[in-house]
Amino acid sequence: MREQPSLRIPLGVLGLFVALLFYGMLVAHYIAPLISGWHGLAQAPVYILLGLVWLLPLRRFLIWMETGKWSAPEPGE
């Protein structure tokens, strides 16, 4: 556990914000035109899936922001 404040947290939040903006723009630019002709109920699962995909790397990223390591610390640490 960290004892002193670290720049990892504010930089990590800023990085996450920028990455999500970039991801959203990619989805809007490349995916939206492909499925824009679909019925709204057919589009919904695609957008739900894409809305959840960004969560996959989030756990390791948050661990890095807190500890400086990419994997979770062992239970005794």
PDB file of N, CA and C in Angstrom:
ATOM      1  N   MET A   1       0.852  -1.179   0.000  1.00  0.00           N
ATOM      2  CA  MET A   1       0.000   0.000   0.000  1.00  0.00           C
ATOM      3  C   MET A   1       0.894   1.237   0.000  1.00  0.00           C
ATOM      4  N   ARG A   2       0.473   2.252  -0.711  1.00  0.00           N
ATOM      5  CA  ARG A   2       1.301   3.460  -0.796  1.00  0.00           C
ATOM      6  C   ARG A   2       1.163   4.302   0.465  1.00  0.00           C
ATOM      7  N   GLU A   3       2.265   4.920   0.835  1.00  0.00           N
ATOM      8  CA  GLU A   3       2.306   5.777   2.026  1.00  0.00           C
ATOM      9  C   GLU A   3       2.240   7.258   1.638  1.00  0.00           C
ATOM     10  N   GLN A   4       2.793   7.589   0.474  1.00  0.00           N
ATOM     11  CA  GLN A   4       2.879   8.973   0.026  1.00  0.00           C
ATOM     12  C   GLN A   4       1.955   9.189  -1.173  1.00  0.00           C
ATOM     13  N   PRO A   5       1.495  10.435  -1.361  1.00  0.00           N
ATOM     14  CA  PRO A   5       0.710  10.720  -2.565  1.00  0.00           C
ATOM     15  C   PRO A   5       1.544  10.457  -3.817  1.00  0.00           C
ATOM     16  N   SER A   6       0.882  10.089  -4.879  1.00  0.00           N
ATOM     17  CA  SER A   6       1.574   9.760  -6.117  1.00  0.00           C
ATOM     18  C   SER A   6       0.892  10.457  -7.290  1.00  0.00           C
ATOM     19  N   LEU A   7       1.683  10.788  -8.291  1.00  0.00           N
ATOM     20  CA  LEU A   7       1.125  11.385  -9.503  1.00  0.00           C
ATOM     21  C   LEU A   7       0.419  10.359 -10.372  1.00  0.00           C
ATOM     22  N   ARG A   8       0.587   9.064 -10.042  1.00  0.00           N
ATOM     23  CA  ARG A   8      -0.061   8.022 -10.844  1.00  0.00           C
ATOM     24  C   ARG A   8      -1.570   8.181 -10.859  1.00  0.00           C
ATOM     25  N   ILE A   9      -2.178   8.566  -9.757  1.00  0.00           N
ATOM     26  CA  ILE A   9      -3.636   8.636  -9.691  1.00  0.00           C
ATOM     27  C   ILE A   9      -4.186   9.766 -10.566  1.00  0.00           C
ATOM     28  N   PRO A  10      -3.744  11.019 -10.410  1.00  0.00           N
ATOM     29  CA  PRO A  10      -4.291  12.049 -11.307  1.00  0.00           C
ATOM     30  C   PRO A  10      -3.924  11.817 -12.770  1.00  0.00           C
ATOM     31  N   LEU A  11      -2.705  11.338 -13.034  1.00  0.00           N
ATOM     32  CA  LEU A  11      -2.327  11.040 -14.415  1.00  0.00           C
ATOM     33  C   LEU A  11      -3.124   9.862 -14.953  1.00  0.00           C
ATOM     34  N   GLY A  12      -3.389   8.872 -14.103  1.00  0.00           N
ATOM     35  CA  GLY A  12      -4.196   7.728 -14.509  1.00  0.00           C
ATOM     36  C   GLY A  12      -5.618   8.121 -14.836  1.00  0.00           C
ATOM     37  N   VAL A  13      -6.211   8.987 -14.034  1.00  0.00           N
ATOM     38  CA  VAL A  13      -7.575   9.459 -14.301  1.00  0.00           C
ATOM     39  C   VAL A  13      -7.603  10.240 -15.615  1.00  0.00           C
ATOM     40  N   LEU A  14      -6.625  11.094 -15.819  1.00  0.00           N
ATOM     41  CA  LEU A  14      -6.537  11.851 -17.068  1.00  0.00           C
ATOM     42  C   LEU A  14      -6.338  10.908 -18.250  1.00  0.00           C
ATOM     43  N   GLY A  15      -5.460   9.922 -18.099  1.00  0.00           N
ATOM     44  CA  GLY A  15      -5.231   8.944 -19.161  1.00  0.00           C
ATOM     45  C   GLY A  15      -6.474   8.139 -19.469  1.00  0.00           C
ATOM     46  N   LEU A  16      -7.200   7.753 -18.432  1.00  0.00           N
ATOM     47  CA  LEU A  16      -8.444   7.000 -18.624  1.00  0.00           C
ATOM     48  C   LEU A  16      -9.468   7.844 -19.368  1.00  0.00           C
ATOM     49  N   PHE A  17      -9.578   9.102 -19.003  1.00  0.00           N
ATOM     50  CA  PHE A  17     -10.504  10.020 -19.675  1.00  0.00           C
ATOM     51  C   PHE A  17     -10.161  10.151 -21.154  1.00  0.00           C
ATOM     52  N   VAL A  18      -8.880  10.340 -21.466  1.00  0.00           N
ATOM     53  CA  VAL A  18      -8.438  10.481 -22.856  1.00  0.00           C
ATOM     54  C   VAL A  18      -8.678   9.178 -23.619  1.00  0.00           C
ATOM     55  N   ALA A  19      -8.371   8.044 -22.992  1.00  0.00           N
ATOM     56  CA  ALA A  19      -8.569   6.754 -23.655  1.00  0.00           C
ATOM     57  C   ALA A  19     -10.049   6.502 -23.941  1.00  0.00           C
ATOM     58  N   LEU A  20     -10.922   6.856 -23.014  1.00  0.00           N
ATOM     59  CA  LEU A  20     -12.355   6.669 -23.237  1.00  0.00           C
ATOM     60  C   LEU A  20     -12.882   7.592 -24.332  1.00  0.00           C
ATOM     61  N   LEU A  21     -12.385   8.817 -24.377  1.00  0.00           N
ATOM     62  CA  LEU A  21     -12.765   9.711 -25.479  1.00  0.00           C
ATOM     63  C   LEU A  21     -12.331   9.142 -26.824  1.00  0.00           C
ATOM     64  N   PHE A  22     -11.110   8.649 -26.880  1.00  0.00           N
ATOM     65  CA  PHE A  22     -10.576   8.054 -28.105  1.00  0.00           C
ATOM     66  C   PHE A  22     -11.396   6.828 -28.499  1.00  0.00           C
ATOM     67  N   TYR A  23     -11.708   5.967 -27.535  1.00  0.00           N
ATOM     68  CA  TYR A  23     -12.505   4.769 -27.790  1.00  0.00           C
ATOM     69  C   TYR A  23     -13.903   5.152 -28.296  1.00  0.00           C
ATOM     70  N   GLY A  24     -14.508   6.126 -27.659  1.00  0.00           N
ATOM     71  CA  GLY A  24     -15.827   6.577 -28.090  1.00  0.00           C
ATOM     72  C   GLY A  24     -15.817   7.134 -29.499  1.00  0.00           C
ATOM     73  N   MET A  25     -14.768   7.888 -29.833  1.00  0.00           N
ATOM     74  CA  MET A  25     -14.670   8.428 -31.192  1.00  0.00           C
ATOM     75  C   MET A  25     -14.457   7.317 -32.216  1.00  0.00           C
ATOM     76  N   LEU A  26     -13.675   6.303 -31.863  1.00  0.00           N
ATOM     77  CA  LEU A  26     -13.488   5.172 -32.774  1.00  0.00           C
ATOM     78  C   LEU A  26     -14.801   4.440 -33.023  1.00  0.00           C
ATOM     79  N   VAL A  27     -15.543   4.197 -31.946  1.00  0.00           N
ATOM     80  CA  VAL A  27     -16.834   3.522 -32.091  1.00  0.00           C
ATOM     81  C   VAL A  27     -17.773   4.373 -32.939  1.00  0.00           C
ATOM     82  N   ALA A  28     -17.833   5.665 -32.661  1.00  0.00           N
ATOM     83  CA  ALA A  28     -18.734   6.549 -33.407  1.00  0.00           C
ATOM     84  C   ALA A  28     -18.329   6.648 -34.876  1.00  0.00           C
ATOM     85  N   HIS A  29     -17.041   6.623 -35.151  1.00  0.00           N
ATOM     86  CA  HIS A  29     -16.574   6.796 -36.520  1.00  0.00           C
ATOM     87  C   HIS A  29     -16.660   5.523 -37.341  1.00  0.00           C
ATOM     88  N   TYR A  30     -16.329   4.372 -36.745  1.00  0.00           N
ATOM     89  CA  TYR A  30     -16.256   3.130 -37.510  1.00  0.00           C
ATOM     90  C   TYR A  30     -17.456   2.204 -37.333  1.00  0.00           C
ATOM     91  N   ILE A  31     -18.010   2.111 -36.145  1.00  0.00           N
ATOM     92  CA  ILE A  31     -19.099   1.158 -35.895  1.00  0.00           C
ATOM     93  C   ILE A  31     -20.459   1.760 -36.229  1.00  0.00           C
ATOM     94  N   ALA A  32     -20.696   2.987 -35.821  1.00  0.00           N
ATOM     95  CA  ALA A  32     -22.009   3.609 -36.037  1.00  0.00           C
ATOM     96  C   ALA A  32     -22.440   3.582 -37.504  1.00  0.00           C
ATOM     97  N   PRO A  33     -21.568   3.926 -38.460  1.00  0.00           N
ATOM     98  CA  PRO A  33     -22.017   3.868 -39.863  1.00  0.00           C
ATOM     99  C   PRO A  33     -22.357   2.450 -40.329  1.00  0.00           C
ATOM    100  N   LEU A  34     -21.699   1.452 -39.762  1.00  0.00           N
ATOM    101  CA  LEU A  34     -21.949   0.070 -40.167  1.00  0.00           C
ATOM    102  C   LEU A  34     -23.321  -0.420 -39.725  1.00  0.00           C
ATOM    103  N   ILE A  35     -23.786   0.047 -38.569  1.00  0.00           N
ATOM    104  CA  ILE A  35     -25.039  -0.476 -38.031  1.00  0.00           C
ATOM    105  C   ILE A  35     -26.161   0.559 -38.017  1.00  0.00           C
ATOM    106  N   SER A  36     -25.941   1.705 -38.621  1.00  0.00           N
ATOM    107  CA  SER A  36     -26.953   2.772 -38.570  1.00  0.00           C
ATOM    108  C   SER A  36     -28.252   2.396 -39.271  1.00  0.00           C
ATOM    109  N   GLY A  37     -28.193   1.494 -40.218  1.00  0.00           N
ATOM    110  CA  GLY A  37     -29.398   1.080 -40.916  1.00  0.00           C
ATOM    111  C   GLY A  37     -30.178  -0.010 -40.197  1.00  0.00           C
ATOM    112  N   TRP A  38     -29.612  -0.553 -39.140  1.00  0.00           N
ATOM    113  CA  TRP A  38     -30.270  -1.621 -38.398  1.00  0.00           C
ATOM    114  C   TRP A  38     -31.407  -1.055 -37.558  1.00  0.00           C
ATOM    115  N   HIS A  39     -32.309  -1.924 -37.195  1.00  0.00           N
ATOM    116  CA  HIS A  39     -33.379  -1.566 -36.262  1.00  0.00           C
ATOM    117  C   HIS A  39     -32.747  -1.242 -34.904  1.00  0.00           C
ATOM    118  N   GLY A  40     -33.366  -0.351 -34.178  1.00  0.00           N
ATOM    119  CA  GLY A  40     -32.831   0.073 -32.882  1.00  0.00           C
ATOM    120  C   GLY A  40     -32.626  -1.071 -31.910  1.00  0.00           C
ATOM    121  N   LEU A  41     -33.519  -2.065 -31.924  1.00  0.00           N
ATOM    122  CA  LEU A  41     -33.365  -3.207 -31.021  1.00  0.00           C
ATOM    123  C   LEU A  41     -32.206  -4.112 -31.431  1.00  0.00           C
ATOM    124  N   ALA A  42     -31.822  -4.077 -32.684  1.00  0.00           N
ATOM    125  CA  ALA A  42     -30.651  -4.830 -33.134  1.00  0.00           C
ATOM    126  C   ALA A  42     -29.368  -4.068 -32.809  1.00  0.00           C
ATOM    127  N   GLN A  43     -29.431  -2.744 -32.800  1.00  0.00           N
ATOM    128  CA  GLN A  43     -28.264  -1.933 -32.467  1.00  0.00           C
ATOM    129  C   GLN A  43     -27.945  -1.982 -30.977  1.00  0.00           C
ATOM    130  N   ALA A  44     -28.962  -2.099 -30.156  1.00  0.00           N
ATOM    131  CA  ALA A  44     -28.779  -2.031 -28.703  1.00  0.00           C
ATOM    132  C   ALA A  44     -27.764  -3.041 -28.178  1.00  0.00           C
ATOM    133  N   PRO A  45     -27.824  -4.333 -28.541  1.00  0.00           N
ATOM    134  CA  PRO A  45     -26.813  -5.269 -28.011  1.00  0.00           C
ATOM    135  C   PRO A  45     -25.394  -4.921 -28.437  1.00  0.00           C
ATOM    136  N   VAL A  46     -25.245  -4.383 -29.641  1.00  0.00           N
ATOM    137  CA  VAL A  46     -23.912  -3.993 -30.112  1.00  0.00           C
ATOM    138  C   VAL A  46     -23.368  -2.873 -29.237  1.00  0.00           C
ATOM    139  N   TYR A  47     -24.182  -1.859 -28.990  1.00  0.00           N
ATOM    140  CA  TYR A  47     -23.720  -0.737 -28.177  1.00  0.00           C
ATOM    141  C   TYR A  47     -23.537  -1.141 -26.711  1.00  0.00           C
ATOM    142  N   ILE A  48     -24.355  -2.049 -26.225  1.00  0.00           N
ATOM    143  CA  ILE A  48     -24.164  -2.544 -24.850  1.00  0.00           C
ATOM    144  C   ILE A  48     -22.841  -3.284 -24.751  1.00  0.00           C
ATOM    145  N   LEU A  49     -22.573  -4.162 -25.713  1.00  0.00           N
ATOM    146  CA  LEU A  49     -21.306  -4.899 -25.721  1.00  0.00           C
ATOM    147  C   LEU A  49     -20.119  -3.945 -25.803  1.00  0.00           C
ATOM    148  N   LEU A  50     -20.184  -2.990 -26.724  1.00  0.00           N
ATOM    149  CA  LEU A  50     -19.086  -2.031 -26.866  1.00  0.00           C
ATOM    150  C   LEU A  50     -18.968  -1.131 -25.635  1.00  0.00           C
ATOM    151  N   GLY A  51     -20.070  -0.896 -24.957  1.00  0.00           N
ATOM    152  CA  GLY A  51     -20.032  -0.105 -23.733  1.00  0.00           C
ATOM    153  C   GLY A  51     -19.410  -0.857 -22.572  1.00  0.00           C
ATOM    154  N   LEU A  52     -19.369  -2.179 -22.657  1.00  0.00           N
ATOM    155  CA  LEU A  52     -18.768  -2.980 -21.583  1.00  0.00           C
ATOM    156  C   LEU A  52     -17.332  -3.405 -21.892  1.00  0.00           C
ATOM    157  N   VAL A  53     -16.953  -3.419 -23.159  1.00  0.00           N
ATOM    158  CA  VAL A  53     -15.620  -3.888 -23.556  1.00  0.00           C
ATOM    159  C   VAL A  53     -14.509  -3.085 -22.891  1.00  0.00           C
ATOM    160  N   TRP A  54     -14.687  -1.788 -22.740  1.00  0.00           N
ATOM    161  CA  TRP A  54     -13.627  -0.958 -22.169  1.00  0.00           C
ATOM    162  C   TRP A  54     -13.359  -1.302 -20.706  1.00  0.00           C
ATOM    163  N   LEU A  55     -14.279  -2.021 -20.066  1.00  0.00           N
ATOM    164  CA  LEU A  55     -14.077  -2.407 -18.673  1.00  0.00           C
ATOM    165  C   LEU A  55     -13.045  -3.522 -18.509  1.00  0.00           C
ATOM    166  N   LEU A  56     -12.771  -4.278 -19.575  1.00  0.00           N
ATOM    167  CA  LEU A  56     -11.863  -5.422 -19.471  1.00  0.00           C
ATOM    168  C   LEU A  56     -10.480  -5.051 -18.925  1.00  0.00           C
ATOM    169  N   PRO A  57      -9.807  -4.021 -19.444  1.00  0.00           N
ATOM    170  CA  PRO A  57      -8.479  -3.699 -18.890  1.00  0.00           C
ATOM    171  C   PRO A  57      -8.530  -2.797 -17.650  1.00  0.00           C
ATOM    172  N   LEU A  58      -9.714  -2.408 -17.220  1.00  0.00           N
ATOM    173  CA  LEU A  58      -9.820  -1.414 -16.149  1.00  0.00           C
ATOM    174  C   LEU A  58      -9.261  -1.907 -14.820  1.00  0.00           C
ATOM    175  N   ARG A  59      -9.461  -3.174 -14.472  1.00  0.00           N
ATOM    176  CA  ARG A  59      -8.994  -3.686 -13.177  1.00  0.00           C
ATOM    177  C   ARG A  59      -7.480  -3.528 -13.045  1.00  0.00           C
ATOM    178  N   ARG A  60      -6.742  -3.988 -14.051  1.00  0.00           N
ATOM    179  CA  ARG A  60      -5.276  -3.881 -13.989  1.00  0.00           C
ATOM    180  C   ARG A  60      -4.831  -2.411 -13.990  1.00  0.00           C
ATOM    181  N   PHE A  61      -5.533  -1.577 -14.730  1.00  0.00           N
ATOM    182  CA  PHE A  61      -5.193  -0.159 -14.762  1.00  0.00           C
ATOM    183  C   PHE A  61      -5.386   0.477 -13.383  1.00  0.00           C
ATOM    184  N   LEU A  62      -6.481   0.155 -12.700  1.00  0.00           N
ATOM    185  CA  LEU A  62      -6.721   0.696 -11.361  1.00  0.00           C
ATOM    186  C   LEU A  62      -5.715   0.160 -10.355  1.00  0.00           C
ATOM    187  N   ILE A  63      -5.315  -1.105 -10.511  1.00  0.00           N
ATOM    188  CA  ILE A  63      -4.264  -1.665  -9.644  1.00  0.00           C
ATOM    189  C   ILE A  63      -2.972  -0.892  -9.864  1.00  0.00           C
ATOM    190  N   TRP A  64      -2.637  -0.610 -11.126  1.00  0.00           N
ATOM    191  CA  TRP A  64      -1.428   0.160 -11.400  1.00  0.00           C
ATOM    192  C   TRP A  64      -1.507   1.547 -10.778  1.00  0.00           C
ATOM    193  N   MET A  65      -2.659   2.193 -10.887  1.00  0.00           N
ATOM    194  CA  MET A  65      -2.800   3.540 -10.325  1.00  0.00           C
ATOM    195  C   MET A  65      -2.554   3.521  -8.813  1.00  0.00           C
ATOM    196  N   GLU A  66      -2.987   2.477  -8.144  1.00  0.00           N
ATOM    197  CA  GLU A  66      -2.850   2.413  -6.691  1.00  0.00           C
ATOM    198  C   GLU A  66      -1.483   1.909  -6.238  1.00  0.00           C
ATOM    199  N   THR A  67      -0.921   0.905  -6.935  1.00  0.00           N
ATOM    200  CA  THR A  67       0.296   0.252  -6.440  1.00  0.00           C
ATOM    201  C   THR A  67       1.535   0.512  -7.280  1.00  0.00           C
ATOM    202  N   GLY A  68       1.358   0.869  -8.541  1.00  0.00           N
ATOM    203  CA  GLY A  68       2.507   1.024  -9.426  1.00  0.00           C
ATOM    204  C   GLY A  68       2.881  -0.278 -10.114  1.00  0.00           C
ATOM    205  N   LYS A  69       2.162  -1.357  -9.841  1.00  0.00           N
ATOM    206  CA  LYS A  69       2.385  -2.651 -10.475  1.00  0.00           C
ATOM    207  C   LYS A  69       1.141  -3.020 -11.268  1.00  0.00           C
ATOM    208  N   TRP A  70       1.323  -3.867 -12.295  1.00  0.00           N
ATOM    209  CA  TRP A  70       0.202  -4.218 -13.152  1.00  0.00           C
ATOM    210  C   TRP A  70      -0.589  -5.413 -12.644  1.00  0.00           C
ATOM    211  N   SER A  71      -0.082  -6.105 -11.644  1.00  0.00           N
ATOM    212  CA  SER A  71      -0.829  -7.244 -11.098  1.00  0.00           C
ATOM    213  C   SER A  71      -1.153  -6.964  -9.624  1.00  0.00           C
ATOM    214  N   ALA A  72      -2.178  -7.642  -9.135  1.00  0.00           N
ATOM    215  CA  ALA A  72      -2.604  -7.440  -7.758  1.00  0.00           C
ATOM    216  C   ALA A  72      -1.540  -7.951  -6.796  1.00  0.00           C
ATOM    217  N   PRO A  73      -1.355  -7.267  -5.676  1.00  0.00           N
ATOM    218  CA  PRO A  73      -0.382  -7.752  -4.694  1.00  0.00           C
ATOM    219  C   PRO A  73      -0.865  -9.058  -4.057  1.00  0.00           C
ATOM    220  N   GLU A  74       0.095  -9.833  -3.594  1.00  0.00           N
ATOM    221  CA  GLU A  74      -0.235 -11.074  -2.904  1.00  0.00           C
ATOM    222  C   GLU A  74      -0.991 -10.739  -1.613  1.00  0.00           C
ATOM    223  N   PRO A  75      -1.808 -11.657  -1.104  1.00  0.00           N
ATOM    224  CA  PRO A  75      -2.609 -11.384   0.095  1.00  0.00           C
ATOM    225  C   PRO A  75      -1.801 -10.943   1.316  1.00  0.00           C
ATOM    226  N   GLY A  76      -0.558 -11.392   1.453  1.00  0.00           N
ATOM    227  CA  GLY A  76       0.242 -11.027   2.622  1.00  0.00           C
ATOM    228  C   GLY A  76       0.981  -9.707   2.491  1.00  0.00           C
ATOM    229  N   GLU A  77       0.968  -9.107   1.325  1.00  0.00           N
ATOM    230  CA  GLU A  77       1.739  -7.873   1.109  1.00  0.00           C
ATOM    231  C   GLU A  77       1.038  -6.666   1.643  1.00  0.00           C
TER     232      GLU A  77
END
